[in-house]
N, C-alpha and C. Protein backbone atom coordinates (compact mmCIF):
# COMPACT_ATOMS: atom_id res chain seq x y z
N UNK A 1 188.78 88.45 285.61
CA UNK A 1 187.59 89.96 285.50
C UNK A 1 187.87 90.36 284.17
N UNK A 2 186.82 90.73 283.54
CA UNK A 2 186.65 91.51 282.19
C UNK A 2 187.08 92.84 282.08
N UNK A 3 187.97 93.28 281.40
CA UNK A 3 188.40 94.69 281.40
C UNK A 3 187.60 95.36 280.36
N UNK A 4 186.88 96.58 280.53
CA UNK A 4 185.98 97.02 279.42
C UNK A 4 187.18 98.08 278.83
N UNK A 5 187.19 98.21 277.56
CA UNK A 5 187.90 98.98 276.70
C UNK A 5 187.57 100.40 276.96
N UNK A 6 188.41 101.31 276.75
CA UNK A 6 188.20 102.74 276.88
C UNK A 6 188.21 103.50 275.66
N UNK A 7 187.52 104.68 275.52
CA UNK A 7 187.68 105.62 274.16
C UNK A 7 188.66 106.68 274.41
N UNK A 8 189.51 106.89 273.48
CA UNK A 8 190.18 108.24 273.42
C UNK A 8 189.38 109.02 272.57
N UNK A 9 188.82 110.00 273.22
CA UNK A 9 188.20 110.98 272.46
C UNK A 9 188.81 112.50 272.17
N UNK A 10 188.68 112.73 270.92
CA UNK A 10 189.54 113.89 270.49
C UNK A 10 189.07 115.36 270.95
N UNK A 11 189.40 115.92 271.90
CA UNK A 11 188.90 117.13 272.34
C UNK A 11 189.14 118.33 271.07
N UNK A 12 190.49 118.46 270.53
CA UNK A 12 190.60 119.51 269.65
C UNK A 12 190.09 119.19 268.31
N UNK A 13 189.64 118.10 267.97
CA UNK A 13 188.91 117.79 266.77
C UNK A 13 187.61 116.98 266.88
N UNK A 14 186.44 117.57 267.60
CA UNK A 14 185.31 116.90 267.92
C UNK A 14 184.61 116.10 266.87
N UNK A 15 184.91 116.58 265.61
CA UNK A 15 184.36 115.87 264.36
C UNK A 15 184.72 114.51 264.33
N UNK A 16 186.02 114.04 264.76
CA UNK A 16 186.71 112.80 264.50
C UNK A 16 185.95 111.73 265.76
N UNK A 17 185.74 110.49 265.05
CA UNK A 17 185.29 109.70 266.13
C UNK A 17 186.08 108.95 266.90
N UNK A 18 185.70 108.85 268.14
CA UNK A 18 186.75 108.10 269.23
C UNK A 18 187.54 106.93 268.96
N UNK A 19 188.49 106.46 269.45
CA UNK A 19 189.49 105.79 268.93
C UNK A 19 189.42 104.82 270.42
N UNK A 20 189.02 103.30 270.08
CA UNK A 20 188.92 102.50 270.91
C UNK A 20 190.32 101.81 271.35
N UNK A 21 190.71 101.73 272.64
CA UNK A 21 191.84 101.16 273.37
C UNK A 21 191.62 100.09 274.36
N UNK A 22 192.65 99.30 274.69
CA UNK A 22 192.48 98.38 275.73
C UNK A 22 192.22 99.23 277.04
N UNK A 23 191.99 98.68 278.11
CA UNK A 23 191.70 99.31 279.37
C UNK A 23 193.15 99.64 280.07
N UNK A 24 194.25 99.05 279.62
CA UNK A 24 195.41 99.12 280.27
C UNK A 24 196.03 100.48 279.72
N UNK A 25 195.50 101.10 278.78
CA UNK A 25 196.12 102.17 278.06
C UNK A 25 195.72 103.56 279.31
N UNK A 26 194.56 103.34 280.37
CA UNK A 26 194.60 104.31 281.38
C UNK A 26 195.82 104.63 282.02
N UNK A 27 196.71 103.42 282.11
CA UNK A 27 198.16 103.68 282.94
C UNK A 27 199.03 104.11 281.82
N UNK A 28 199.14 103.71 280.83
CA UNK A 28 200.06 103.87 279.67
C UNK A 28 199.94 105.18 279.18
N UNK A 29 198.96 105.89 278.92
CA UNK A 29 198.89 107.31 278.44
C UNK A 29 199.74 108.06 279.13
N UNK A 30 200.14 107.79 280.38
CA UNK A 30 201.00 108.75 280.94
C UNK A 30 202.34 108.64 280.40
N UNK A 31 202.81 107.60 279.73
CA UNK A 31 204.32 107.65 278.98
C UNK A 31 204.41 108.61 277.94
N UNK A 32 203.07 108.94 277.39
CA UNK A 32 202.94 109.69 275.93
C UNK A 32 202.59 111.13 276.57
N UNK A 33 201.96 111.67 277.20
CA UNK A 33 201.53 112.81 277.82
C UNK A 33 202.68 114.10 277.88
N UNK A 34 202.32 115.27 277.37
CA UNK A 34 203.32 116.23 277.93
C UNK A 34 202.99 116.72 279.27
N UNK A 35 203.97 117.44 280.10
CA UNK A 35 203.44 117.94 281.25
C UNK A 35 203.07 119.21 281.25
N UNK A 36 201.65 119.21 281.78
CA UNK A 36 201.22 120.54 281.85
C UNK A 36 201.96 121.73 282.24
N UNK A 37 201.80 122.82 281.53
CA UNK A 37 202.55 123.83 281.95
C UNK A 37 204.16 124.16 281.77
N UNK A 38 204.70 122.93 281.01
CA UNK A 38 206.12 122.99 280.81
C UNK A 38 205.78 123.02 279.29
N UNK A 39 206.72 124.18 278.78
CA UNK A 39 206.89 124.78 277.46
C UNK A 39 205.51 125.30 277.09
N UNK A 40 205.03 124.74 275.82
CA UNK A 40 203.73 125.41 275.63
C UNK A 40 202.48 124.27 275.85
N UNK A 41 202.80 123.47 276.43
CA UNK A 41 201.69 122.42 276.90
C UNK A 41 200.91 122.98 278.01
N UNK A 42 199.47 123.03 277.73
CA UNK A 42 198.50 123.53 278.41
C UNK A 42 198.04 122.85 279.39
N UNK A 43 197.30 123.48 280.35
CA UNK A 43 196.82 122.60 281.56
C UNK A 43 195.48 122.08 280.91
N UNK A 44 195.19 120.92 281.16
CA UNK A 44 194.04 120.32 280.80
C UNK A 44 193.08 119.67 281.70
N UNK A 45 191.88 119.37 281.61
CA UNK A 45 190.88 118.70 282.44
C UNK A 45 191.29 117.34 283.11
N UNK A 46 190.48 117.13 284.03
CA UNK A 46 190.61 115.40 284.50
C UNK A 46 190.29 114.48 283.46
N UNK A 47 191.22 113.62 283.42
CA UNK A 47 191.04 112.60 282.29
C UNK A 47 191.46 113.10 280.77
N UNK A 48 192.01 114.26 280.90
CA UNK A 48 192.45 114.71 279.65
C UNK A 48 193.95 114.61 279.66
N UNK A 49 194.60 114.65 278.69
CA UNK A 49 196.16 114.59 278.00
C UNK A 49 196.30 115.44 277.02
N UNK A 50 197.43 115.81 277.10
CA UNK A 50 198.25 116.73 275.88
C UNK A 50 199.34 115.71 275.39
N UNK A 51 199.03 115.41 274.12
CA UNK A 51 200.15 114.76 273.40
C UNK A 51 200.52 115.68 272.11
N UNK A 52 201.90 116.12 272.56
CA UNK A 52 202.46 116.99 271.32
C UNK A 52 202.75 116.12 270.06
N UNK A 53 202.34 116.89 269.06
CA UNK A 53 202.26 116.26 267.58
C UNK A 53 203.96 115.79 267.44
N UNK A 54 204.75 116.82 267.48
CA UNK A 54 206.37 116.48 267.13
C UNK A 54 206.62 115.17 267.94
N UNK A 55 206.11 115.14 269.20
CA UNK A 55 206.58 113.77 269.85
C UNK A 55 206.04 112.44 269.46
N UNK A 56 204.79 112.65 269.17
CA UNK A 56 204.27 111.46 268.30
C UNK A 56 204.90 111.32 267.31
N UNK A 57 205.36 112.00 266.27
CA UNK A 57 206.09 111.89 264.93
C UNK A 57 207.29 111.13 265.36
N UNK A 58 208.03 111.54 266.48
CA UNK A 58 209.64 111.15 266.89
C UNK A 58 209.17 109.86 267.24
N UNK A 59 208.07 109.48 268.18
CA UNK A 59 207.70 108.24 268.51
C UNK A 59 207.67 107.01 267.39
N UNK A 60 206.82 107.56 266.72
CA UNK A 60 206.69 106.60 265.35
C UNK A 60 207.86 106.55 264.86
N UNK A 61 208.72 107.37 264.31
CA UNK A 61 210.12 107.18 263.84
C UNK A 61 210.73 106.22 264.34
N UNK A 62 211.04 106.22 265.89
CA UNK A 62 211.76 105.53 266.67
C UNK A 62 211.37 104.16 266.82
N UNK A 63 210.02 103.81 267.02
CA UNK A 63 209.39 102.57 267.41
C UNK A 63 209.47 102.57 268.96
N UNK A 64 209.87 103.44 269.62
CA UNK A 64 209.95 103.41 271.05
C UNK A 64 209.54 104.81 271.67
N UNK A 65 209.01 104.56 272.91
CA UNK A 65 208.87 105.88 273.92
C UNK A 65 209.76 105.82 274.87
N UNK A 66 210.58 106.88 275.30
CA UNK A 66 211.35 106.70 276.32
C UNK A 66 210.42 107.44 277.76
N UNK A 67 210.80 106.66 278.59
CA UNK A 67 210.15 106.75 280.17
C UNK A 67 211.03 107.27 280.97
N UNK A 68 211.01 108.07 282.03
CA UNK A 68 211.68 108.52 283.01
C UNK A 68 211.23 107.78 284.38
N UNK A 69 211.92 107.47 285.40
CA UNK A 69 211.62 106.80 286.41
C UNK A 69 211.17 108.11 287.43
N UNK A 70 209.66 107.80 287.99
CA UNK A 70 209.40 108.85 288.98
C UNK A 70 210.33 108.80 290.12
N UNK A 71 211.06 107.96 290.42
CA UNK A 71 211.90 108.06 291.65
C UNK A 71 213.37 108.65 291.35
N UNK A 72 213.83 108.51 290.21
CA UNK A 72 215.19 108.96 289.90
C UNK A 72 214.99 109.49 288.34
N UNK A 73 215.13 110.68 288.37
CA UNK A 73 214.92 111.30 287.32
C UNK A 73 216.15 111.00 286.06
N UNK A 74 217.12 110.49 286.44
CA UNK A 74 218.33 110.03 285.61
C UNK A 74 218.09 108.72 285.09
N UNK A 75 217.12 107.89 285.82
CA UNK A 75 217.05 106.72 285.21
C UNK A 75 216.01 106.60 284.30
N UNK A 76 216.40 106.30 282.79
CA UNK A 76 215.42 106.20 281.80
C UNK A 76 215.29 104.87 281.14
N UNK A 77 214.54 104.64 280.33
CA UNK A 77 214.17 103.16 279.79
C UNK A 77 213.34 103.55 278.54
N UNK A 78 213.51 102.59 277.43
CA UNK A 78 213.09 102.89 276.30
C UNK A 78 211.91 101.61 276.39
N UNK A 79 210.37 102.04 275.93
CA UNK A 79 209.67 100.89 276.09
C UNK A 79 209.16 100.81 274.34
N UNK A 80 209.22 99.53 274.02
CA UNK A 80 208.91 99.59 272.39
C UNK A 80 207.49 99.71 272.35
N UNK A 81 207.03 100.38 271.11
CA UNK A 81 205.55 100.52 271.01
C UNK A 81 204.96 99.47 270.62
N UNK A 82 203.78 99.03 271.01
CA UNK A 82 202.85 97.88 270.76
C UNK A 82 202.27 98.37 269.31
N UNK A 83 201.70 97.18 268.68
CA UNK A 83 200.84 97.63 267.72
C UNK A 83 199.50 98.39 267.76
N UNK A 84 199.03 98.17 269.19
CA UNK A 84 198.14 99.07 269.48
C UNK A 84 198.37 100.55 269.92
N UNK A 85 199.68 100.98 270.43
CA UNK A 85 200.08 102.03 270.29
C UNK A 85 200.46 102.80 268.93
N UNK A 86 200.79 102.04 268.19
CA UNK A 86 201.23 102.29 266.93
C UNK A 86 200.11 102.88 265.83
N UNK A 87 198.72 102.18 266.12
CA UNK A 87 197.51 102.59 265.54
C UNK A 87 197.02 103.77 266.03
N UNK A 88 196.87 103.83 267.34
CA UNK A 88 196.52 105.07 268.35
C UNK A 88 197.48 106.33 267.73
N UNK A 89 198.75 106.10 267.78
CA UNK A 89 199.43 107.34 267.18
C UNK A 89 199.35 107.82 265.86
N UNK A 90 199.03 106.74 264.98
CA UNK A 90 198.70 106.90 263.50
C UNK A 90 197.23 107.74 263.44
N UNK A 91 196.52 107.20 264.35
CA UNK A 91 195.15 108.04 264.28
C UNK A 91 195.48 109.67 264.60
N UNK A 92 196.09 109.64 265.90
CA UNK A 92 196.47 110.97 266.55
C UNK A 92 197.06 112.05 265.17
N UNK A 93 198.13 111.38 264.73
CA UNK A 93 198.84 112.41 263.46
C UNK A 93 197.86 112.29 262.25
N UNK A 94 197.16 111.39 261.71
CA UNK A 94 196.24 111.53 260.60
C UNK A 94 195.13 112.58 260.89
N UNK A 95 194.77 112.77 262.28
CA UNK A 95 193.73 113.80 262.63
C UNK A 95 194.06 114.88 263.13
N UNK A 96 195.54 115.01 263.33
CA UNK A 96 196.21 116.18 263.92
C UNK A 96 195.59 116.74 265.26
N UNK A 97 195.53 115.50 266.06
CA UNK A 97 195.21 115.40 267.46
C UNK A 97 196.22 115.59 268.30
N UNK A 98 196.02 116.47 269.28
CA UNK A 98 196.93 116.57 270.64
C UNK A 98 196.55 116.72 271.96
N UNK A 99 194.86 116.88 272.01
CA UNK A 99 194.26 117.10 273.30
C UNK A 99 193.18 116.01 273.39
N UNK A 100 193.44 114.92 274.08
CA UNK A 100 192.31 114.05 274.29
C UNK A 100 191.85 113.79 275.72
N UNK A 101 190.79 112.88 275.56
CA UNK A 101 190.17 112.60 276.91
C UNK A 101 189.82 111.06 276.94
N UNK A 102 190.03 110.51 277.98
CA UNK A 102 189.71 108.96 278.19
C UNK A 102 188.70 108.84 278.90
N UNK A 103 187.62 107.93 278.42
CA UNK A 103 186.07 107.74 278.95
C UNK A 103 185.90 106.04 278.68
N UNK A 104 185.24 105.69 279.36
CA UNK A 104 184.72 104.40 279.39
C UNK A 104 183.94 104.09 277.90
N UNK A 105 184.39 103.07 277.31
CA UNK A 105 183.66 102.52 276.18
C UNK A 105 182.13 102.20 276.44
N UNK A 106 181.34 102.21 275.74
CA UNK A 106 179.96 101.93 275.55
C UNK A 106 178.95 102.75 276.03
């Protein structure tokens, strides 16, 4: 089965071209998203995500993202950033993007 790439579309900077990611990012983006309504994170639309800039900077510095188990909030794990994740985070940071939408490429 051929998986189509997806595009990460910058909502808060529409002048910036979309960033292509592999289809698996549809699931992985939840590792990076800020929880809507928590702190200063706004509620966003369907297929939209808010990625805090300060978190992106920390992940790039650490080379990992920490995830929490949905079944046990005390169970945490670190996932090493892939080259694709690093390229995406660099794009986010370079263009000061925090609000994104995922859409099918093409």
